[in-house]
């Protein structure tokens, strides 16, 4: 149960990070790299949680 809570916390953090990158943060030269990192990490966390 504690591990599932940790997964949900991490997924929420990365989902928030994607939202913040799109709507709040100033666009930087590494926006694409940062966005792909956050999306890939969120996908891996969700797939790991499901599996």
N, C-alpha and C. Protein backbone atom coordinates (compact mmCIF):
# COMPACT_ATOMS: atom_id res chain seq x y z
N UNK A 1 0.83 -1.20 0.00
CA UNK A 1 0.00 0.00 0.00
C UNK A 1 0.87 1.26 0.00
N UNK A 2 1.95 1.25 0.74
CA UNK A 2 2.83 2.43 0.79
C UNK A 2 3.53 2.65 -0.55
N UNK A 3 3.88 1.56 -1.23
CA UNK A 3 4.54 1.69 -2.52
C UNK A 3 3.60 2.28 -3.56
N UNK A 4 2.33 1.88 -3.53
CA UNK A 4 1.35 2.45 -4.45
C UNK A 4 1.17 3.95 -4.20
N UNK A 5 1.19 4.35 -2.95
CA UNK A 5 1.08 5.77 -2.63
C UNK A 5 2.28 6.54 -3.17
N UNK A 6 3.45 5.94 -3.09
CA UNK A 6 4.65 6.58 -3.63
C UNK A 6 4.56 6.72 -5.15
N UNK A 7 4.06 5.69 -5.81
CA UNK A 7 3.86 5.76 -7.26
C UNK A 7 2.86 6.85 -7.62
N UNK A 8 1.78 6.96 -6.88
CA UNK A 8 0.78 7.99 -7.16
C UNK A 8 1.36 9.38 -6.92
N UNK A 9 2.16 9.52 -5.88
CA UNK A 9 2.81 10.80 -5.60
C UNK A 9 3.75 11.19 -6.74
N UNK A 10 4.56 10.25 -7.19
CA UNK A 10 5.51 10.54 -8.27
C UNK A 10 4.78 10.86 -9.57
N UNK A 11 3.72 10.11 -9.86
CA UNK A 11 2.95 10.38 -11.08
C UNK A 11 2.29 11.75 -11.01
N UNK A 12 1.77 12.11 -9.86
CA UNK A 12 1.18 13.43 -9.69
C UNK A 12 2.21 14.54 -9.85
N UNK A 13 3.39 14.31 -9.32
CA UNK A 13 4.46 15.31 -9.44
C UNK A 13 4.84 15.53 -10.90
N UNK A 14 5.00 14.45 -11.65
CA UNK A 14 5.38 14.61 -13.05
C UNK A 14 4.24 15.15 -13.89
N UNK A 15 2.99 14.80 -13.57
CA UNK A 15 1.85 15.39 -14.29
C UNK A 15 1.80 16.90 -14.03
N UNK A 16 2.02 17.30 -12.79
CA UNK A 16 2.08 18.73 -12.47
C UNK A 16 3.24 19.41 -13.20
N UNK A 17 4.38 18.73 -13.28
CA UNK A 17 5.54 19.31 -13.96
C UNK A 17 5.26 19.55 -15.43
N UNK A 18 4.54 18.63 -16.07
CA UNK A 18 4.17 18.83 -17.47
C UNK A 18 3.26 20.04 -17.59
N UNK A 19 2.27 20.13 -16.72
CA UNK A 19 1.35 21.26 -16.73
C UNK A 19 2.11 22.57 -16.52
N UNK A 20 3.02 22.58 -15.57
CA UNK A 20 3.79 23.79 -15.28
C UNK A 20 4.69 24.17 -16.45
N UNK A 21 5.30 23.18 -17.11
CA UNK A 21 6.16 23.48 -18.25
C UNK A 21 5.36 24.12 -19.39
N UNK A 22 4.15 23.65 -19.59
CA UNK A 22 3.35 24.15 -20.72
C UNK A 22 2.78 25.53 -20.42
N UNK A 23 2.25 25.73 -19.21
CA UNK A 23 1.46 26.93 -18.95
C UNK A 23 2.16 28.01 -18.12
N UNK A 24 3.14 27.65 -17.27
CA UNK A 24 3.71 28.63 -16.35
C UNK A 24 5.15 28.98 -16.62
N UNK A 25 5.95 28.00 -16.95
CA UNK A 25 7.39 28.25 -17.10
C UNK A 25 7.68 29.03 -18.37
N UNK A 26 8.77 29.77 -18.33
CA UNK A 26 9.26 30.46 -19.52
C UNK A 26 9.87 29.43 -20.46
N UNK A 27 9.53 29.52 -21.73
CA UNK A 27 10.08 28.56 -22.71
C UNK A 27 11.57 28.78 -22.86
N UNK A 28 12.31 27.72 -22.68
CA UNK A 28 13.77 27.78 -22.81
C UNK A 28 14.20 26.98 -24.03
N UNK A 29 15.47 27.01 -24.31
CA UNK A 29 15.98 26.31 -25.49
C UNK A 29 15.87 24.79 -25.35
N UNK A 30 15.83 24.28 -24.13
CA UNK A 30 15.73 22.83 -23.92
C UNK A 30 14.30 22.40 -23.58
N UNK A 31 13.31 23.15 -24.03
CA UNK A 31 11.92 22.83 -23.72
C UNK A 31 11.54 21.44 -24.23
N UNK A 32 11.91 21.13 -25.46
CA UNK A 32 11.55 19.83 -26.04
C UNK A 32 12.17 18.67 -25.28
N UNK A 33 13.41 18.82 -24.90
CA UNK A 33 14.10 17.76 -24.15
C UNK A 33 13.46 17.59 -22.78
N UNK A 34 13.19 18.69 -22.12
CA UNK A 34 12.58 18.64 -20.79
C UNK A 34 11.18 18.05 -20.85
N UNK A 35 10.40 18.45 -21.86
CA UNK A 35 9.05 17.93 -21.99
C UNK A 35 9.07 16.44 -22.30
N UNK A 36 9.93 16.01 -23.21
CA UNK A 36 10.00 14.59 -23.53
C UNK A 36 10.46 13.78 -22.32
N UNK A 37 11.35 14.33 -21.52
CA UNK A 37 11.79 13.66 -20.30
C UNK A 37 10.62 13.47 -19.34
N UNK A 38 9.83 14.52 -19.12
CA UNK A 38 8.72 14.42 -18.18
C UNK A 38 7.63 13.49 -18.70
N UNK A 39 7.34 13.53 -19.98
CA UNK A 39 6.32 12.64 -20.55
C UNK A 39 6.78 11.18 -20.48
N UNK A 40 8.02 10.91 -20.86
CA UNK A 40 8.54 9.54 -20.81
C UNK A 40 8.57 9.01 -19.39
N UNK A 41 8.98 9.84 -18.45
CA UNK A 41 9.02 9.41 -17.05
C UNK A 41 7.62 9.12 -16.52
N UNK A 42 6.66 9.98 -16.86
CA UNK A 42 5.28 9.75 -16.42
C UNK A 42 4.74 8.46 -17.01
N UNK A 43 5.01 8.19 -18.28
CA UNK A 43 4.56 6.95 -18.91
C UNK A 43 5.18 5.75 -18.21
N UNK A 44 6.47 5.81 -17.92
CA UNK A 44 7.13 4.70 -17.24
C UNK A 44 6.57 4.48 -15.83
N UNK A 45 6.29 5.54 -15.12
CA UNK A 45 5.72 5.42 -13.78
C UNK A 45 4.34 4.78 -13.85
N UNK A 46 3.51 5.24 -14.78
CA UNK A 46 2.15 4.69 -14.90
C UNK A 46 2.20 3.23 -15.31
N UNK A 47 3.03 2.88 -16.28
CA UNK A 47 3.14 1.48 -16.70
C UNK A 47 3.69 0.60 -15.58
N UNK A 48 4.63 1.11 -14.83
CA UNK A 48 5.17 0.36 -13.70
C UNK A 48 4.12 0.17 -12.61
N UNK A 49 3.28 1.18 -12.41
CA UNK A 49 2.20 1.08 -11.42
C UNK A 49 1.18 0.04 -11.85
N UNK A 50 0.84 0.04 -13.14
CA UNK A 50 -0.16 -0.91 -13.65
C UNK A 50 0.36 -2.34 -13.60
N UNK A 51 1.61 -2.51 -13.99
CA UNK A 51 2.16 -3.85 -14.05
C UNK A 51 2.34 -4.38 -12.67
